[in-house]
Amino acid sequence: MIIDWDRVSIYVRPGWTDMRKQINGLAVMVEEELGGEPLSGNLFLFCNRRRTHLKVLYWQRNGFCMWLKRLEQDRFPWPQGEAEARQISAAQLRMLLSGIDFWNAHGSLHFSQIS
């Protein structure tokens, strides 16, 4: 399995997903809820209610692939708002898998000169 990170988009489904869903159920969610195309080759990420399981669904040339990562301790940082799917970068995916919560990172400060 080789992914060209420069050509793939990564989408996160905010909120929780029933992890009993397998490839077909997740592909339907991508189409109906996220408005995405499951056969695009993009990665679609889903997380369970307790934020201990993460599933990744994508299409590779001639079939679907699905990854599952289960944490034995801790929880994945995950957006809880049921807004539309959010696109993240490959660097943000690496941070997510490492447990870094970039969604709640500190924002930039902007100072103005006082006269």
N, C-alpha and C. Protein backbone atom coordinates (compact mmCIF):
# COMPACT_ATOMS: atom_id res chain seq x y z
N MET A 1 0.83 -1.16 0.00
CA MET A 1 0.00 0.00 0.00
C MET A 1 0.89 1.24 0.00
N ILE A 2 0.79 2.00 -1.07
CA ILE A 2 1.57 3.23 -1.19
C ILE A 2 0.61 4.37 -1.50
N ILE A 3 0.71 5.44 -0.74
CA ILE A 3 -0.15 6.59 -0.93
C ILE A 3 0.71 7.77 -1.37
N ASP A 4 0.28 8.43 -2.43
CA ASP A 4 0.95 9.65 -2.88
C ASP A 4 0.36 10.81 -2.09
N TRP A 5 1.03 11.23 -1.03
CA TRP A 5 0.51 12.23 -0.11
C TRP A 5 0.32 13.59 -0.76
N ASP A 6 0.98 13.83 -1.91
CA ASP A 6 0.81 15.10 -2.60
C ASP A 6 -0.48 15.15 -3.40
N ARG A 7 -1.06 14.01 -3.71
CA ARG A 7 -2.25 13.96 -4.55
C ARG A 7 -3.53 13.59 -3.81
N VAL A 8 -3.41 13.17 -2.58
CA VAL A 8 -4.58 12.70 -1.83
C VAL A 8 -5.08 13.81 -0.89
N SER A 9 -6.39 13.87 -0.74
CA SER A 9 -7.01 14.77 0.24
C SER A 9 -7.48 13.91 1.41
N ILE A 10 -7.48 14.49 2.60
CA ILE A 10 -7.85 13.76 3.81
C ILE A 10 -9.01 14.50 4.46
N TYR A 11 -10.11 13.77 4.69
CA TYR A 11 -11.31 14.37 5.25
C TYR A 11 -11.67 13.70 6.57
N VAL A 12 -12.06 14.50 7.55
CA VAL A 12 -12.44 14.03 8.87
C VAL A 12 -13.94 14.21 9.03
N ARG A 13 -14.61 13.15 9.50
CA ARG A 13 -16.02 13.28 9.84
C ARG A 13 -16.09 13.66 11.32
N PRO A 14 -16.49 14.90 11.62
CA PRO A 14 -16.58 15.33 13.02
C PRO A 14 -17.64 14.53 13.78
N GLY A 15 -17.53 14.52 15.08
CA GLY A 15 -18.47 13.76 15.89
C GLY A 15 -18.09 12.29 15.91
N TRP A 16 -18.98 11.47 16.40
CA TRP A 16 -18.65 10.05 16.53
C TRP A 16 -19.36 9.23 15.47
N THR A 17 -18.77 8.07 15.17
CA THR A 17 -19.29 7.13 14.18
C THR A 17 -19.41 5.77 14.84
N ASP A 18 -20.45 5.05 14.50
CA ASP A 18 -20.65 3.68 14.98
C ASP A 18 -19.58 2.81 14.34
N MET A 19 -18.66 2.29 15.13
CA MET A 19 -17.53 1.51 14.61
C MET A 19 -17.92 0.10 14.18
N ARG A 20 -19.19 -0.26 14.33
CA ARG A 20 -19.63 -1.54 13.77
C ARG A 20 -19.76 -1.45 12.25
N LYS A 21 -19.81 -0.23 11.74
CA LYS A 21 -19.88 -0.05 10.29
C LYS A 21 -18.59 -0.52 9.64
N GLN A 22 -18.73 -1.21 8.54
CA GLN A 22 -17.58 -1.68 7.79
C GLN A 22 -17.46 -0.87 6.50
N ILE A 23 -16.79 -1.38 5.51
CA ILE A 23 -16.49 -0.63 4.30
C ILE A 23 -17.75 -0.10 3.62
N ASN A 24 -18.73 -0.95 3.40
CA ASN A 24 -19.93 -0.50 2.68
C ASN A 24 -20.68 0.58 3.44
N GLY A 25 -20.85 0.41 4.75
CA GLY A 25 -21.54 1.41 5.55
C GLY A 25 -20.81 2.73 5.60
N LEU A 26 -19.49 2.68 5.71
CA LEU A 26 -18.70 3.92 5.73
C LEU A 26 -18.71 4.60 4.37
N ALA A 27 -18.68 3.81 3.29
CA ALA A 27 -18.74 4.39 1.94
C ALA A 27 -20.07 5.11 1.73
N VAL A 28 -21.16 4.56 2.24
CA VAL A 28 -22.46 5.22 2.14
C VAL A 28 -22.43 6.53 2.93
N MET A 29 -21.82 6.53 4.12
CA MET A 29 -21.71 7.76 4.91
C MET A 29 -20.91 8.82 4.17
N VAL A 30 -19.84 8.41 3.50
CA VAL A 30 -19.02 9.36 2.74
C VAL A 30 -19.89 10.04 1.70
N GLU A 31 -20.69 9.26 0.98
CA GLU A 31 -21.53 9.83 -0.08
C GLU A 31 -22.68 10.67 0.46
N GLU A 32 -23.43 10.12 1.39
CA GLU A 32 -24.67 10.77 1.83
C GLU A 32 -24.46 11.86 2.86
N GLU A 33 -23.58 11.65 3.83
CA GLU A 33 -23.41 12.62 4.89
C GLU A 33 -22.31 13.63 4.61
N LEU A 34 -21.21 13.16 4.02
CA LEU A 34 -20.07 14.05 3.80
C LEU A 34 -20.08 14.67 2.42
N GLY A 35 -20.92 14.15 1.52
CA GLY A 35 -20.96 14.69 0.16
C GLY A 35 -19.69 14.39 -0.62
N GLY A 36 -18.97 13.35 -0.22
CA GLY A 36 -17.72 12.99 -0.88
C GLY A 36 -17.91 11.85 -1.87
N GLU A 37 -16.86 11.53 -2.56
CA GLU A 37 -16.85 10.44 -3.53
C GLU A 37 -15.94 9.34 -2.99
N PRO A 38 -16.51 8.21 -2.56
CA PRO A 38 -15.69 7.15 -1.96
C PRO A 38 -14.64 6.57 -2.91
N LEU A 39 -14.88 6.63 -4.22
CA LEU A 39 -13.95 6.05 -5.19
C LEU A 39 -12.89 7.05 -5.66
N SER A 40 -12.77 8.18 -4.99
CA SER A 40 -11.85 9.24 -5.41
C SER A 40 -10.39 8.96 -5.06
N GLY A 41 -10.16 8.04 -4.14
CA GLY A 41 -8.80 7.80 -3.67
C GLY A 41 -8.43 8.65 -2.48
N ASN A 42 -9.35 9.54 -2.05
CA ASN A 42 -9.12 10.36 -0.86
C ASN A 42 -9.32 9.52 0.39
N LEU A 43 -8.73 9.98 1.49
CA LEU A 43 -8.86 9.29 2.77
C LEU A 43 -9.99 9.92 3.57
N PHE A 44 -10.82 9.08 4.17
CA PHE A 44 -11.94 9.54 5.00
C PHE A 44 -11.76 8.93 6.38
N LEU A 45 -11.73 9.79 7.41
CA LEU A 45 -11.45 9.36 8.78
C LEU A 45 -12.71 9.40 9.63
N PHE A 46 -12.87 8.36 10.47
CA PHE A 46 -14.01 8.22 11.37
C PHE A 46 -13.50 7.82 12.75
N CYS A 47 -14.21 8.28 13.80
CA CYS A 47 -13.78 7.96 15.17
C CYS A 47 -15.01 7.55 15.98
N ASN A 48 -14.80 6.67 16.97
CA ASN A 48 -15.92 6.23 17.81
C ASN A 48 -16.22 7.23 18.91
N ARG A 49 -17.30 6.96 19.64
CA ARG A 49 -17.76 7.89 20.68
C ARG A 49 -16.72 8.11 21.77
N ARG A 50 -16.02 7.05 22.18
CA ARG A 50 -15.02 7.17 23.24
C ARG A 50 -13.68 7.71 22.74
N ARG A 51 -13.56 7.87 21.43
CA ARG A 51 -12.35 8.39 20.77
C ARG A 51 -11.14 7.48 21.01
N THR A 52 -11.38 6.17 21.04
CA THR A 52 -10.30 5.20 21.19
C THR A 52 -10.05 4.41 19.91
N HIS A 53 -10.98 4.48 18.96
CA HIS A 53 -10.86 3.76 17.69
C HIS A 53 -10.94 4.75 16.54
N LEU A 54 -10.06 4.59 15.58
CA LEU A 54 -10.03 5.44 14.40
C LEU A 54 -10.03 4.54 13.17
N LYS A 55 -10.95 4.81 12.23
CA LYS A 55 -10.98 4.06 10.98
C LYS A 55 -10.70 5.02 9.83
N VAL A 56 -9.94 4.53 8.86
CA VAL A 56 -9.62 5.28 7.65
C VAL A 56 -10.09 4.45 6.46
N LEU A 57 -10.87 5.07 5.59
CA LEU A 57 -11.39 4.39 4.41
C LEU A 57 -10.87 5.10 3.17
N TYR A 58 -10.40 4.33 2.19
CA TYR A 58 -10.01 4.91 0.92
C TYR A 58 -10.05 3.85 -0.17
N TRP A 59 -10.12 4.33 -1.41
CA TRP A 59 -10.14 3.46 -2.59
C TRP A 59 -8.75 3.46 -3.20
N GLN A 60 -8.24 2.28 -3.49
CA GLN A 60 -6.93 2.19 -4.14
C GLN A 60 -7.05 1.33 -5.39
N ARG A 61 -7.08 1.92 -6.51
CA ARG A 61 -7.06 1.33 -7.84
C ARG A 61 -8.15 0.31 -8.10
N ASN A 62 -8.21 -0.78 -7.36
CA ASN A 62 -9.18 -1.82 -7.68
C ASN A 62 -9.94 -2.34 -6.45
N GLY A 63 -9.93 -1.59 -5.36
CA GLY A 63 -10.67 -2.02 -4.19
C GLY A 63 -10.52 -1.06 -3.02
N PHE A 64 -11.43 -1.20 -2.06
CA PHE A 64 -11.38 -0.37 -0.86
C PHE A 64 -10.33 -0.90 0.11
N CYS A 65 -9.74 0.03 0.86
CA CYS A 65 -8.84 -0.29 1.95
C CYS A 65 -9.41 0.36 3.20
N MET A 66 -9.26 -0.30 4.33
CA MET A 66 -9.72 0.26 5.59
C MET A 66 -8.67 -0.03 6.65
N TRP A 67 -8.26 1.02 7.35
CA TRP A 67 -7.33 0.87 8.46
C TRP A 67 -8.13 1.05 9.74
N LEU A 68 -7.67 0.41 10.78
CA LEU A 68 -8.24 0.60 12.10
C LEU A 68 -7.08 0.78 13.07
N LYS A 69 -7.15 1.83 13.86
CA LYS A 69 -6.18 2.00 14.94
C LYS A 69 -6.97 2.06 16.24
N ARG A 70 -6.59 1.21 17.19
CA ARG A 70 -7.23 1.17 18.49
C ARG A 70 -6.21 1.56 19.54
N LEU A 71 -6.51 2.58 20.32
CA LEU A 71 -5.63 3.01 21.38
C LEU A 71 -5.88 2.18 22.63
N GLU A 72 -4.84 1.76 23.28
CA GLU A 72 -4.95 1.02 24.53
C GLU A 72 -5.06 1.98 25.71
N GLN A 73 -4.51 3.18 25.56
CA GLN A 73 -4.62 4.23 26.57
C GLN A 73 -4.86 5.53 25.83
N ASP A 74 -5.35 6.52 26.54
CA ASP A 74 -5.57 7.86 26.01
C ASP A 74 -6.72 7.88 25.01
N ARG A 75 -6.88 9.03 24.35
CA ARG A 75 -7.95 9.23 23.38
C ARG A 75 -7.43 10.08 22.23
N PHE A 76 -8.05 9.89 21.07
CA PHE A 76 -7.70 10.72 19.91
C PHE A 76 -8.31 12.10 20.10
N PRO A 77 -7.58 13.17 19.75
CA PRO A 77 -8.22 14.48 19.69
C PRO A 77 -9.16 14.46 18.49
N TRP A 78 -10.38 14.95 18.66
CA TRP A 78 -11.35 14.82 17.57
C TRP A 78 -12.35 15.96 17.63
N PRO A 79 -12.68 16.57 16.49
CA PRO A 79 -13.68 17.65 16.50
C PRO A 79 -15.06 17.06 16.78
N GLN A 80 -15.78 17.64 17.72
CA GLN A 80 -17.08 17.09 18.10
C GLN A 80 -18.25 17.73 17.37
N GLY A 81 -18.05 18.90 16.77
CA GLY A 81 -19.13 19.57 16.06
C GLY A 81 -19.57 18.77 14.85
N GLU A 82 -20.86 18.69 14.62
CA GLU A 82 -21.39 17.93 13.50
C GLU A 82 -21.43 18.77 12.22
N ALA A 83 -20.47 19.64 12.06
CA ALA A 83 -20.39 20.46 10.85
C ALA A 83 -19.96 19.59 9.67
N GLU A 84 -19.84 20.19 8.53
CA GLU A 84 -19.42 19.44 7.34
C GLU A 84 -18.03 18.84 7.54
N ALA A 85 -17.68 17.91 6.70
CA ALA A 85 -16.38 17.24 6.80
C ALA A 85 -15.27 18.27 6.70
N ARG A 86 -14.26 18.09 7.50
CA ARG A 86 -13.12 19.00 7.49
C ARG A 86 -11.98 18.35 6.75
N GLN A 87 -11.29 19.13 5.96
CA GLN A 87 -10.12 18.62 5.26
C GLN A 87 -8.89 18.94 6.09
N ILE A 88 -8.01 17.95 6.21
CA ILE A 88 -6.76 18.16 6.94
C ILE A 88 -5.60 17.77 6.03
N SER A 89 -4.41 18.16 6.42
CA SER A 89 -3.21 17.84 5.64
C SER A 89 -2.59 16.54 6.13
N ALA A 90 -1.63 16.03 5.38
CA ALA A 90 -0.92 14.82 5.78
C ALA A 90 -0.15 15.07 7.08
N ALA A 91 0.39 16.27 7.25
CA ALA A 91 1.10 16.60 8.49
C ALA A 91 0.14 16.59 9.68
N GLN A 92 -1.08 17.10 9.47
CA GLN A 92 -2.07 17.09 10.53
C GLN A 92 -2.52 15.66 10.85
N LEU A 93 -2.59 14.79 9.83
CA LEU A 93 -2.92 13.39 10.07
C LEU A 93 -1.86 12.74 10.95
N ARG A 94 -0.60 13.02 10.68
CA ARG A 94 0.47 12.48 11.52
C ARG A 94 0.35 12.98 12.96
N MET A 95 0.00 14.27 13.12
CA MET A 95 -0.19 14.81 14.47
C MET A 95 -1.37 14.13 15.15
N LEU A 96 -2.46 13.93 14.42
CA LEU A 96 -3.64 13.28 14.97
C LEU A 96 -3.31 11.88 15.45
N LEU A 97 -2.60 11.11 14.64
CA LEU A 97 -2.22 9.75 15.02
C LEU A 97 -1.24 9.73 16.19
N SER A 98 -0.52 10.85 16.40
CA SER A 98 0.41 10.97 17.52
C SER A 98 -0.25 11.52 18.77
N GLY A 99 -1.52 11.94 18.66
CA GLY A 99 -2.24 12.46 19.82
C GLY A 99 -2.17 13.96 19.99
N ILE A 100 -1.65 14.67 19.02
CA ILE A 100 -1.53 16.13 19.12
C ILE A 100 -2.85 16.76 18.68
N ASP A 101 -3.43 17.60 19.52
CA ASP A 101 -4.72 18.24 19.25
C ASP A 101 -4.50 19.57 18.53
N PHE A 102 -4.37 19.51 17.23
CA PHE A 102 -4.15 20.75 16.47
C PHE A 102 -5.43 21.55 16.30
N TRP A 103 -6.60 20.94 16.56
CA TRP A 103 -7.86 21.69 16.45
C TRP A 103 -7.97 22.74 17.53
N ASN A 104 -7.38 22.49 18.68
CA ASN A 104 -7.45 23.43 19.79
C ASN A 104 -6.11 24.08 20.07
N ALA A 105 -5.27 24.15 19.06
CA ALA A 105 -3.96 24.78 19.23
C ALA A 105 -4.15 26.28 19.43
N HIS A 106 -3.17 26.89 20.01
CA HIS A 106 -3.22 28.34 20.23
C HIS A 106 -3.24 29.08 18.90
N GLY A 107 -4.06 30.09 18.81
CA GLY A 107 -4.12 30.90 17.61
C GLY A 107 -3.01 31.94 17.61
N SER A 108 -2.87 32.61 16.48
CA SER A 108 -1.86 33.66 16.35
C SER A 108 -2.35 34.93 17.02
N LEU A 109 -1.42 35.62 17.65
CA LEU A 109 -1.73 36.93 18.25
C LEU A 109 -1.38 38.02 17.28
N HIS A 110 -2.21 39.03 17.23
CA HIS A 110 -1.97 40.16 16.34
C HIS A 110 -1.93 41.42 17.20
N PHE A 111 -0.80 42.11 17.19
CA PHE A 111 -0.63 43.31 17.98
C PHE A 111 -0.70 44.54 17.11
N SER A 112 -1.20 45.59 17.66
CA SER A 112 -1.20 46.87 16.94
C SER A 112 -0.44 47.87 17.80
N GLN A 113 0.10 48.83 17.13
CA GLN A 113 0.90 49.84 17.82
C GLN A 113 -0.04 50.85 18.48
N ILE A 114 0.24 51.16 19.74
CA ILE A 114 -0.56 52.14 20.46
C ILE A 114 0.12 53.48 20.32
N SER A 115 -0.64 54.50 19.92
CA SER A 115 -0.04 55.81 19.75
C SER A 115 -0.28 56.70 20.93
